[in-house]
Amino acid sequence: MREYERLRLDRDTVERDFATLVLTVVELLRQLVERQAVRRVDEGDLTDEQVERIGLTLMALDDRMGEVLEHFQIRREDLNIDLGPLGPLLPRD
């Protein structure tokens, strides 16, 4: 019978990798919401107050993401997962 070596996990690495995964999903959703908001603004579907509120909310989310990225020492570029033949998950600006 073969003996298998136990998987050794470093708590800091696991936390950082999990934070990267969560922030990747949050960034993907943020970009989708931002595109939807821009589309609605262009179509004139939003009031000035709604545009202001959406803008402030997206800026606050971006600020908070920056704090979490800094805490875990993650670069924004690290959030763009390479999907192989499909290319990167997030559009490159």
Protein backbone atom coordinates (compact mmCIF):
# COMPACT_ATOMS: atom_id res chain seq x y z
CA MET A 1 0.00 0.00 0.00
CA ARG A 2 1.35 3.42 -0.96
CA GLU A 3 1.69 6.03 1.67
CA TYR A 4 0.52 9.45 0.67
CA GLU A 5 2.17 12.49 2.00
CA ARG A 6 -0.15 14.77 3.86
CA LEU A 7 -1.08 18.00 2.13
CA ARG A 8 0.59 20.86 3.94
CA LEU A 9 -1.26 24.13 3.83
CA ASP A 10 -0.02 27.44 5.09
CA ARG A 11 -2.84 29.41 6.72
CA ASP A 12 -1.66 32.72 5.23
CA THR A 13 -1.51 31.23 1.73
CA VAL A 14 -4.99 29.73 2.05
CA GLU A 15 -6.42 33.04 3.29
CA ARG A 16 -4.72 34.98 0.50
CA ASP A 17 -5.89 32.53 -2.18
CA PHE A 18 -9.44 32.60 -0.84
CA ALA A 19 -9.39 36.40 -0.72
CA THR A 20 -8.13 36.45 -4.32
CA LEU A 21 -10.99 34.19 -5.43
CA VAL A 22 -13.64 36.23 -3.60
CA LEU A 23 -12.26 39.54 -4.86
CA THR A 24 -12.17 38.17 -8.41
CA VAL A 25 -15.89 37.41 -8.22
CA VAL A 26 -16.60 40.81 -6.64
CA GLU A 27 -14.58 42.57 -9.37
CA LEU A 28 -16.41 40.67 -12.10
CA LEU A 29 -19.78 41.66 -10.60
CA ARG A 30 -18.62 45.27 -10.09
CA GLN A 31 -17.66 45.53 -13.74
CA LEU A 32 -20.99 44.06 -14.85
CA VAL A 33 -22.94 46.49 -12.65
CA GLU A 34 -20.83 49.39 -13.89
CA ARG A 35 -21.48 48.48 -17.55
CA GLN A 36 -25.19 48.12 -16.85
CA ALA A 37 -25.23 51.51 -15.11
CA VAL A 38 -23.41 53.18 -18.03
CA ARG A 39 -25.87 51.63 -20.46
CA ARG A 40 -28.82 52.90 -18.41
CA VAL A 41 -27.28 56.37 -18.14
CA ASP A 42 -26.74 56.47 -21.90
CA GLU A 43 -30.38 55.45 -22.43
CA GLY A 44 -31.59 58.10 -19.97
CA ASP A 45 -33.23 55.51 -17.66
CA LEU A 46 -31.79 56.96 -14.44
CA THR A 47 -32.42 60.15 -12.55
CA ASP A 48 -29.52 62.41 -11.61
CA GLU A 49 -29.91 61.22 -8.01
CA GLN A 50 -29.70 57.56 -9.05
CA VAL A 51 -26.62 58.25 -11.17
CA GLU A 52 -24.97 59.99 -8.22
CA ARG A 53 -25.86 57.17 -5.82
CA ILE A 54 -24.56 54.48 -8.20
CA GLY A 55 -21.35 56.41 -8.78
CA LEU A 56 -20.73 56.86 -5.06
CA THR A 57 -21.50 53.21 -4.36
CA LEU A 58 -19.11 51.98 -7.06
CA MET A 59 -16.37 54.30 -5.81
CA ALA A 60 -16.88 53.11 -2.22
CA LEU A 61 -16.71 49.49 -3.36
CA ASP A 62 -13.50 50.22 -5.28
CA ASP A 63 -11.97 51.89 -2.21
CA ARG A 64 -12.90 48.96 0.04
CA MET A 65 -11.53 46.47 -2.48
CA GLY A 66 -8.29 48.44 -2.53
CA GLU A 67 -8.05 48.11 1.25
CA VAL A 68 -8.61 44.34 1.14
CA LEU A 69 -6.15 43.95 -1.74
CA GLU A 70 -3.55 45.83 0.25
CA HIS A 71 -4.23 43.81 3.40
CA PHE A 72 -3.66 40.51 1.60
CA GLN A 73 -0.89 41.94 -0.62
CA ILE A 74 -2.80 41.12 -3.79
CA ARG A 75 -2.38 43.11 -6.99
CA ARG A 76 -5.44 43.98 -9.08
CA GLU A 77 -3.79 42.11 -11.95
CA ASP A 78 -3.92 38.94 -9.83
CA LEU A 79 -7.72 39.03 -10.04
CA ASN A 80 -7.73 38.44 -13.79
CA ILE A 81 -7.72 34.65 -13.96
CA ASP A 82 -6.40 33.14 -17.19
CA LEU A 83 -9.04 30.81 -18.62
CA GLY A 84 -6.66 29.21 -21.10
CA PRO A 85 -8.06 29.17 -24.63
CA LEU A 86 -10.93 31.45 -23.56
CA GLY A 87 -8.49 34.16 -22.52
CA PRO A 88 -8.61 36.27 -19.37
CA LEU A 89 -11.73 36.35 -17.18
CA LEU A 90 -11.84 40.13 -16.95
CA PRO A 91 -11.47 42.49 -19.89
CA ARG A 92 -8.17 44.27 -20.01
CA ASP A 93 -8.60 48.03 -19.78
